[in-house]
């Protein structure tokens, strides 16, 4: 009986010490009242925050490509920087244009079955798109192998190809931006 009382007393004391910490932790999980400010930024509910890391990666990738250009193709550094800045600007403009123009309606229209004449056009566009994607993959595989093997000559050879692809992608984004603004 004496050991049973000691166990109960120890449990009550332990719970008495732990409960305030649990209550404090629960207070931090509750949403703050309107008009109060916290140091933690609010997250968007669109994608539950899982794209935030990807957004930060673009800054790292931009810096990495700029450093590679400085080291291996110093004559094209300014061109790389302007193309990367243009890409960043186009991405932000596209996001804003899609939000304002009601892109959801256009996505629903794409899901509908196309007419037979449209199918032939779509097939031609699809094969063209696949050829572009294959070319894109090939250049990126060359780049990856050049980086992995640390082959300076190969990196110097591939960087201008990557720059041209980036310029072409910027042109396509500019066309998409013009279409979404219509």
Protein backbone atom coordinates (compact mmCIF):
# COMPACT_ATOMS: atom_id res chain seq x y z
CA UNK A 1 0.00 0.00 0.00
CA UNK A 2 2.90 2.33 0.78
CA UNK A 3 4.40 1.85 -2.74
CA UNK A 4 1.00 2.49 -4.32
CA UNK A 5 0.68 5.84 -2.52
CA UNK A 6 4.22 6.82 -3.53
CA UNK A 7 3.40 6.00 -7.18
CA UNK A 8 0.23 8.10 -7.11
CA UNK A 9 2.00 11.03 -5.44
CA UNK A 10 4.86 10.86 -7.96
CA UNK A 11 2.38 10.76 -10.87
CA UNK A 12 0.38 13.71 -9.54
CA UNK A 13 3.55 15.76 -9.01
CA UNK A 14 4.82 14.89 -12.48
CA UNK A 15 1.49 15.81 -14.08
CA UNK A 16 1.43 19.04 -12.10
CA UNK A 17 4.82 19.97 -13.52
CA UNK A 18 4.06 18.94 -17.12
CA UNK A 19 0.55 20.44 -17.47
CA UNK A 20 1.66 24.11 -17.61
CA UNK A 21 4.04 23.33 -20.47
CA UNK A 22 1.28 21.56 -22.38
CA UNK A 23 -1.08 24.48 -21.88
CA UNK A 24 1.55 26.92 -23.08
CA UNK A 25 2.18 24.84 -26.21
CA UNK A 26 -1.57 24.68 -26.91
CA UNK A 27 -1.80 28.49 -26.67
CA UNK A 28 0.75 28.87 -29.46
CA UNK A 29 -1.25 26.61 -31.78
CA UNK A 30 -4.41 28.70 -31.47
CA UNK A 31 -4.89 31.31 -34.21
CA UNK A 32 -4.08 34.85 -33.08
CA UNK A 33 -6.94 37.30 -32.63
CA UNK A 34 -7.72 39.86 -35.31
CA UNK A 35 -5.47 42.87 -35.06
CA UNK A 36 -2.57 41.03 -33.44
CA UNK A 37 0.65 40.49 -35.30
CA UNK A 38 2.93 37.50 -35.12
CA UNK A 39 6.45 36.99 -36.37
CA UNK A 40 5.43 33.88 -38.32
CA UNK A 41 4.26 34.74 -41.86
CA UNK A 42 0.87 33.46 -42.93
CA UNK A 43 0.89 30.68 -45.50
CA UNK A 44 -1.32 30.52 -48.54
CA UNK A 45 -3.91 27.79 -48.49
CA UNK A 46 -3.59 27.07 -52.21
CA UNK A 47 -0.94 24.38 -52.05
CA UNK A 48 -0.40 23.97 -48.31
CA UNK A 49 3.07 25.50 -48.57
CA UNK A 50 4.74 22.64 -50.43
CA UNK A 51 5.80 24.84 -53.36
CA UNK A 52 7.61 27.36 -51.18
CA UNK A 53 10.83 25.35 -51.27
CA UNK A 54 10.64 25.21 -55.04
CA UNK A 55 10.27 28.98 -55.19
CA UNK A 56 13.43 29.40 -53.14
CA UNK A 57 15.26 26.94 -55.35
CA UNK A 58 14.88 29.26 -58.32
CA UNK A 59 17.05 31.83 -56.53
CA UNK A 60 19.68 29.18 -55.88
CA UNK A 61 19.52 27.97 -59.45
CA UNK A 62 19.78 31.53 -60.76
CA UNK A 63 22.90 32.13 -58.66
CA UNK A 64 24.38 28.78 -59.67
CA UNK A 65 23.90 29.44 -63.37
CA UNK A 66 25.33 32.94 -63.02
CA UNK A 67 28.41 31.59 -61.25
CA UNK A 68 28.88 28.90 -63.89
CA UNK A 69 28.59 31.54 -66.61
CA UNK A 70 31.15 33.74 -64.83
CA UNK A 71 33.58 30.86 -64.62
CA UNK A 72 33.15 29.15 -67.99
CA UNK A 73 31.65 31.74 -70.36
CA UNK A 74 32.57 35.17 -68.96
CA UNK A 75 31.58 36.91 -72.19
CA UNK A 76 27.94 35.86 -71.70
CA UNK A 77 27.47 36.76 -68.03
CA UNK A 78 25.49 39.93 -68.73
CA UNK A 79 23.30 38.06 -71.20
CA UNK A 80 22.62 35.33 -68.62
CA UNK A 81 21.66 37.91 -66.03
CA UNK A 82 19.26 39.75 -68.35
CA UNK A 83 17.62 36.51 -69.51
CA UNK A 84 17.19 35.30 -65.93
CA UNK A 85 15.73 38.65 -64.83
CA UNK A 86 13.37 38.63 -67.80
CA UNK A 87 12.29 35.10 -66.91
CA UNK A 88 11.57 36.13 -63.33
CA UNK A 89 9.55 39.13 -64.52
CA UNK A 90 7.57 37.03 -67.00
CA UNK A 91 6.74 34.43 -64.36
CA UNK A 92 5.36 37.04 -61.96
CA UNK A 93 3.38 38.72 -64.75
CA UNK A 94 1.96 35.37 -65.87
CA UNK A 95 0.85 34.53 -62.35
CA UNK A 96 -0.84 37.90 -61.98
CA UNK A 97 -2.49 37.66 -65.41
CA UNK A 98 -3.81 34.18 -64.72
CA UNK A 99 -5.33 35.28 -61.43
CA UNK A 100 -7.10 38.24 -63.00
CA UNK A 101 -8.27 36.67 -66.27
CA UNK A 102 -10.05 33.68 -64.77
CA UNK A 103 -7.73 30.94 -65.97
CA UNK A 104 -10.00 28.35 -64.31
CA UNK A 105 -12.55 28.70 -67.10
CA UNK A 106 -9.90 28.08 -69.75
CA UNK A 107 -8.70 24.96 -67.94
CA UNK A 108 -12.27 23.59 -67.95
CA UNK A 109 -12.55 24.24 -71.70
CA UNK A 110 -9.34 22.30 -72.36
CA UNK A 111 -10.86 19.22 -70.72
CA UNK A 112 -13.60 18.99 -73.37
CA UNK A 113 -13.21 16.61 -76.34
CA UNK A 114 -11.84 18.42 -79.41
CA UNK A 115 -13.45 18.27 -82.85
CA UNK A 116 -11.93 15.98 -85.53
CA UNK A 117 -10.27 18.88 -87.38
CA UNK A 118 -8.84 20.14 -84.13
CA UNK A 119 -7.45 16.68 -83.35
CA UNK A 120 -5.16 16.75 -86.37
CA UNK A 121 -3.86 20.16 -85.34
CA UNK A 122 -3.40 18.97 -81.77
CA UNK A 123 -1.49 15.88 -82.95
CA UNK A 124 0.85 18.05 -85.02
CA UNK A 125 1.38 20.38 -82.08
CA UNK A 126 1.89 17.40 -79.79
CA UNK A 127 4.63 15.87 -81.95
CA UNK A 128 6.28 19.28 -82.26
CA UNK A 129 6.12 19.72 -78.48
CA UNK A 130 7.56 16.25 -77.91
CA UNK A 131 10.47 16.98 -80.25
CA UNK A 132 11.20 20.19 -78.34
CA UNK A 133 11.02 18.34 -75.04
CA UNK A 134 13.41 15.66 -76.29
CA UNK A 135 15.89 18.32 -77.43
CA UNK A 136 15.52 20.04 -74.05
CA UNK A 137 16.16 16.74 -72.21
CA UNK A 138 19.19 15.97 -74.34
CA UNK A 139 20.83 19.32 -73.59
CA UNK A 140 20.10 18.98 -69.88
CA UNK A 141 21.51 15.45 -69.81
CA UNK A 142 24.67 16.77 -71.49
CA UNK A 143 24.82 19.51 -68.87
CA UNK A 144 24.33 17.05 -66.01
CA UNK A 145 27.07 14.72 -67.25
CA UNK A 146 29.41 17.66 -67.82
CA UNK A 147 28.84 18.89 -64.26
CA UNK A 148 29.18 15.41 -62.76
CA UNK A 149 32.44 14.74 -64.59
CA UNK A 150 33.62 18.34 -64.04
CA UNK A 151 34.59 18.55 -67.72
CA UNK A 152 35.31 22.25 -68.26
CA UNK A 153 35.33 21.99 -72.06
CA UNK A 154 31.95 20.25 -72.10
CA UNK A 155 30.47 22.81 -69.68
CA UNK A 156 31.71 25.64 -71.92
CA UNK A 157 30.06 23.89 -74.85
CA UNK A 158 26.70 23.27 -73.14
CA UNK A 159 26.17 26.62 -71.37
CA UNK A 160 25.41 28.55 -74.60
CA UNK A 161 22.88 25.86 -75.55
CA UNK A 162 21.18 26.25 -72.18
CA UNK A 163 21.11 30.02 -72.66
CA UNK A 164 19.43 29.63 -76.04
CA UNK A 165 16.85 27.28 -74.54
CA UNK A 166 16.16 29.77 -71.77
CA UNK A 167 15.68 32.55 -74.33
CA UNK A 168 13.26 30.36 -76.30
CA UNK A 169 11.35 29.56 -73.12
CA UNK A 170 11.12 33.27 -72.32
CA UNK A 171 9.68 33.89 -75.79
CA UNK A 172 7.06 31.18 -75.25
CA UNK A 173 6.16 32.65 -71.86
CA UNK A 174 5.82 36.11 -73.44
CA UNK A 175 3.42 34.64 -76.02
CA UNK A 176 1.43 32.93 -73.27
CA UNK A 177 1.31 36.20 -71.36
CA UNK A 178 -0.03 38.00 -74.43
CA UNK A 179 -2.68 35.27 -74.88
CA UNK A 180 -3.80 35.40 -71.26
CA UNK A 181 -4.10 39.18 -71.35
CA UNK A 182 -6.52 38.97 -74.32
